[in-house]
Protein backbone atom coordinates (compact mmCIF):
# COMPACT_ATOMS: atom_id res chain seq x y z
CA MET A 1 -44.86 -147.70 -40.94
CA LYS A 2 -47.75 -146.41 -39.30
CA VAL A 3 -50.55 -146.07 -41.30
CA MET A 4 -54.36 -145.62 -40.66
CA VAL A 5 -57.31 -147.59 -41.54
CA ARG A 6 -60.97 -146.67 -42.77
CA ASN A 7 -63.98 -147.96 -44.35
CA THR A 8 -65.32 -145.80 -46.74
CA LEU A 9 -67.81 -145.52 -49.02
CA LYS A 10 -65.53 -146.87 -52.18
CA GLY A 11 -63.76 -149.47 -49.98
CA MET A 12 -61.22 -150.33 -47.27
CA GLU A 13 -58.85 -146.92 -47.61
CA VAL A 14 -55.53 -146.66 -46.08
CA TYR A 15 -53.49 -143.25 -44.92
CA VAL A 16 -50.13 -142.85 -44.64
CA PRO A 17 -49.25 -140.02 -42.87
CA LYS A 18 -45.55 -139.40 -43.88
CA LYS A 19 -46.49 -140.04 -47.37
CA ASP A 20 -49.91 -138.07 -47.18
CA LEU A 21 -50.98 -140.55 -49.21
CA GLU A 22 -54.33 -141.92 -49.23
CA GLU A 23 -55.36 -145.38 -51.35
CA ILE A 24 -57.74 -147.91 -51.46
CA VAL A 25 -57.06 -151.77 -50.93
CA VAL A 26 -57.88 -153.38 -53.88
CA GLU A 27 -57.00 -156.76 -52.79
CA SER A 28 -55.82 -158.75 -49.49
CA GLU A 29 -54.88 -162.00 -48.42
CA LYS A 30 -57.45 -162.91 -46.42
CA ASP A 31 -61.38 -161.50 -46.21
CA ASP A 32 -61.11 -159.64 -43.23
CA LEU A 33 -57.56 -157.03 -44.21
CA TRP A 34 -55.72 -158.43 -41.08
CA GLY A 35 -53.18 -161.01 -40.81
CA GLY A 36 -51.93 -161.03 -44.58
CA TRP A 37 -50.62 -158.91 -47.39
CA ALA A 38 -52.86 -155.95 -49.03
CA LYS A 39 -52.44 -154.27 -51.96
CA LEU A 40 -53.17 -150.51 -52.48
CA SER A 41 -54.37 -149.23 -55.14
CA ASN A 42 -51.22 -147.43 -56.17
CA GLY A 43 -49.38 -150.97 -55.84
CA TRP A 44 -48.27 -151.03 -52.78
CA MET A 45 -47.76 -153.92 -50.54
CA LEU A 46 -48.17 -153.84 -46.70
CA GLU A 47 -47.66 -156.41 -44.62
CA MET A 48 -50.84 -156.12 -42.23
CA PRO A 49 -51.09 -157.06 -38.06
CA SER A 50 -52.83 -159.96 -37.24
CA PHE A 51 -55.76 -159.22 -34.83
CA ASP A 52 -57.86 -162.11 -32.54
CA SER A 53 -61.06 -160.77 -33.94
CA PRO A 54 -61.45 -157.47 -36.40
CA PRO A 55 -60.89 -154.13 -34.82
CA LYS A 56 -63.26 -150.96 -34.35
CA LEU A 57 -62.38 -148.71 -37.80
CA PRO A 58 -60.48 -146.11 -38.33
CA ILE A 59 -57.79 -147.58 -36.82
CA THR A 60 -53.61 -146.65 -36.87
CA VAL A 61 -51.47 -149.73 -37.14
CA ASP A 62 -48.19 -150.63 -37.42
CA ALA A 63 -47.72 -151.79 -41.01
CA ARG A 64 -44.93 -153.50 -43.36
CA ARG A 65 -44.05 -152.46 -47.12
CA LEU A 66 -43.25 -155.18 -49.24
CA ALA A 67 -43.32 -154.25 -52.57
CA ASP A 68 -44.37 -151.68 -55.74
CA ALA A 69 -45.96 -152.27 -58.53
CA GLU A 70 -44.15 -153.12 -61.09
């Protein structure tokens, strides 16, 4: 799914346009978010694409939803 990633005062935020959902990234597999999973404040886990160098934000990327909160 297409998601937009941006940096806010609260931290990294992911916006999912089709769901009209804005959530903060609360945990990630890698320090720079890219190339691993990212857990959102609503419990969703997304597999984020990898980049050779961190991209300029905001950016729209394809991410894959892995799981919901239990």
